[in-house]
Amino acid sequence: MTDKQYKKQMEAIAIKQEIFIASVKAHQQLAHVEWLGIMGLMETWDLISD
């Protein structure tokens, strides 16, 4: 493997890692928003049922 091929492969790996990290962060953000939505619904239900 030449230096040029090695650098190309390392760049491809770095891009894949960045995509993976971005997708994990996006999933965590969505999960947080969903959790806040669920908690809001629970609080609303508590107000209605009292």
N, C-alpha and C. Protein backbone atom coordinates (compact mmCIF):
# COMPACT_ATOMS: atom_id res chain seq x y z
N MET A 1 0.86 -1.17 0.00
CA MET A 1 0.00 0.00 0.00
C MET A 1 0.90 1.23 0.00
N THR A 2 0.63 2.12 -0.91
CA THR A 2 1.42 3.34 -0.99
C THR A 2 0.92 4.36 0.03
N ASP A 3 1.72 5.38 0.23
CA ASP A 3 1.33 6.44 1.17
C ASP A 3 0.03 7.11 0.73
N LYS A 4 -0.11 7.29 -0.58
CA LYS A 4 -1.31 7.94 -1.11
C LYS A 4 -2.55 7.09 -0.83
N GLN A 5 -2.45 5.78 -1.03
CA GLN A 5 -3.57 4.88 -0.77
C GLN A 5 -3.90 4.84 0.72
N TYR A 6 -2.83 4.83 1.54
CA TYR A 6 -3.02 4.81 2.99
C TYR A 6 -3.75 6.07 3.45
N LYS A 7 -3.32 7.23 2.96
CA LYS A 7 -3.97 8.49 3.34
C LYS A 7 -5.43 8.51 2.90
N LYS A 8 -5.69 7.98 1.71
CA LYS A 8 -7.06 7.93 1.20
C LYS A 8 -7.94 7.05 2.09
N GLN A 9 -7.38 5.91 2.51
CA GLN A 9 -8.13 5.01 3.37
C GLN A 9 -8.37 5.63 4.74
N MET A 10 -7.37 6.32 5.28
CA MET A 10 -7.53 6.97 6.58
C MET A 10 -8.57 8.09 6.50
N GLU A 11 -8.60 8.82 5.40
CA GLU A 11 -9.61 9.86 5.22
C GLU A 11 -11.01 9.25 5.16
N ALA A 12 -11.15 8.13 4.48
CA ALA A 12 -12.45 7.46 4.38
C ALA A 12 -12.91 6.99 5.76
N ILE A 13 -11.98 6.46 6.55
CA ILE A 13 -12.31 6.01 7.90
C ILE A 13 -12.72 7.19 8.77
N ALA A 14 -12.00 8.30 8.65
CA ALA A 14 -12.32 9.49 9.45
C ALA A 14 -13.71 10.02 9.10
N ILE A 15 -14.05 10.00 7.81
CA ILE A 15 -15.38 10.46 7.39
C ILE A 15 -16.45 9.54 7.97
N LYS A 16 -16.22 8.23 7.92
CA LYS A 16 -17.20 7.29 8.47
C LYS A 16 -17.37 7.50 9.97
N GLN A 17 -16.26 7.77 10.67
CA GLN A 17 -16.34 8.01 12.11
C GLN A 17 -17.14 9.28 12.40
N GLU A 18 -16.90 10.33 11.61
CA GLU A 18 -17.63 11.59 11.80
C GLU A 18 -19.12 11.39 11.57
N ILE A 19 -19.47 10.62 10.55
CA ILE A 19 -20.87 10.34 10.27
C ILE A 19 -21.50 9.55 11.42
N PHE A 20 -20.78 8.56 11.94
CA PHE A 20 -21.28 7.76 13.05
C PHE A 20 -21.50 8.62 14.28
N ILE A 21 -20.52 9.45 14.61
CA ILE A 21 -20.63 10.32 15.79
C ILE A 21 -21.80 11.29 15.63
N ALA A 22 -21.95 11.86 14.44
CA ALA A 22 -23.05 12.79 14.20
C ALA A 22 -24.40 12.09 14.34
N SER A 23 -24.49 10.86 13.86
CA SER A 23 -25.77 10.14 13.97
C SER A 23 -26.08 9.78 15.41
N VAL A 24 -25.06 9.43 16.19
CA VAL A 24 -25.28 9.13 17.61
C VAL A 24 -25.75 10.39 18.34
N LYS A 25 -25.10 11.51 18.06
CA LYS A 25 -25.50 12.77 18.71
C LYS A 25 -26.93 13.15 18.33
N ALA A 26 -27.28 12.96 17.06
CA ALA A 26 -28.64 13.28 16.62
C ALA A 26 -29.65 12.37 17.31
N HIS A 27 -29.32 11.09 17.45
CA HIS A 27 -30.23 10.16 18.13
C HIS A 27 -30.41 10.56 19.59
N GLN A 28 -29.31 10.95 20.25
CA GLN A 28 -29.41 11.37 21.64
C GLN A 28 -30.29 12.60 21.77
N GLN A 29 -30.15 13.53 20.82
CA GLN A 29 -30.97 14.75 20.84
C GLN A 29 -32.45 14.39 20.68
N LEU A 30 -32.75 13.50 19.73
CA LEU A 30 -34.15 13.10 19.51
C LEU A 30 -34.70 12.38 20.73
N ALA A 31 -33.89 11.52 21.33
CA ALA A 31 -34.34 10.79 22.52
C ALA A 31 -34.64 11.77 23.65
N HIS A 32 -33.82 12.80 23.78
CA HIS A 32 -34.04 13.81 24.82
C HIS A 32 -35.34 14.56 24.57
N VAL A 33 -35.58 14.93 23.32
CA VAL A 33 -36.82 15.64 22.98
C VAL A 33 -38.03 14.76 23.24
N GLU A 34 -37.94 13.48 22.86
CA GLU A 34 -39.04 12.55 23.11
C GLU A 34 -39.30 12.42 24.61
N TRP A 35 -38.24 12.33 25.40
CA TRP A 35 -38.39 12.20 26.84
C TRP A 35 -39.08 13.43 27.42
N LEU A 36 -38.68 14.61 26.96
CA LEU A 36 -39.33 15.83 27.44
C LEU A 36 -40.80 15.85 27.05
N GLY A 37 -41.11 15.36 25.85
CA GLY A 37 -42.50 15.28 25.41
C GLY A 37 -43.31 14.35 26.28
N ILE A 38 -42.75 13.21 26.61
CA ILE A 38 -43.44 12.24 27.46
C ILE A 38 -43.67 12.82 28.85
N MET A 39 -42.64 13.47 29.39
CA MET A 39 -42.79 14.07 30.71
C MET A 39 -43.85 15.17 30.69
N GLY A 40 -43.90 15.94 29.61
CA GLY A 40 -44.93 16.97 29.48
C GLY A 40 -46.32 16.37 29.44
N LEU A 41 -46.48 15.27 28.73
CA LEU A 41 -47.78 14.59 28.68
C LEU A 41 -48.17 14.06 30.04
N MET A 42 -47.19 13.53 30.78
CA MET A 42 -47.49 13.00 32.11
C MET A 42 -47.93 14.13 33.04
N GLU A 43 -47.25 15.28 32.96
CA GLU A 43 -47.63 16.41 33.80
C GLU A 43 -49.03 16.90 33.42
N THR A 44 -49.31 16.95 32.13
CA THR A 44 -50.64 17.37 31.68
C THR A 44 -51.70 16.41 32.19
N TRP A 45 -51.43 15.11 32.12
CA TRP A 45 -52.39 14.11 32.60
C TRP A 45 -52.61 14.28 34.10
N ASP A 46 -51.55 14.56 34.85
CA ASP A 46 -51.70 14.78 36.29
C ASP A 46 -52.60 15.97 36.57
N LEU A 47 -52.47 17.04 35.78
CA LEU A 47 -53.31 18.22 35.98
C LEU A 47 -54.76 17.92 35.64
N ILE A 48 -54.98 17.15 34.58
CA ILE A 48 -56.35 16.83 34.15
C ILE A 48 -57.02 15.89 35.13
N SER A 49 -56.29 14.90 35.63
CA SER A 49 -56.90 13.87 36.47
C SER A 49 -57.15 14.35 37.90
N ASP A 50 -56.54 15.46 38.31
CA ASP A 50 -56.76 15.95 39.68
C ASP A 50 -58.03 16.69 39.83
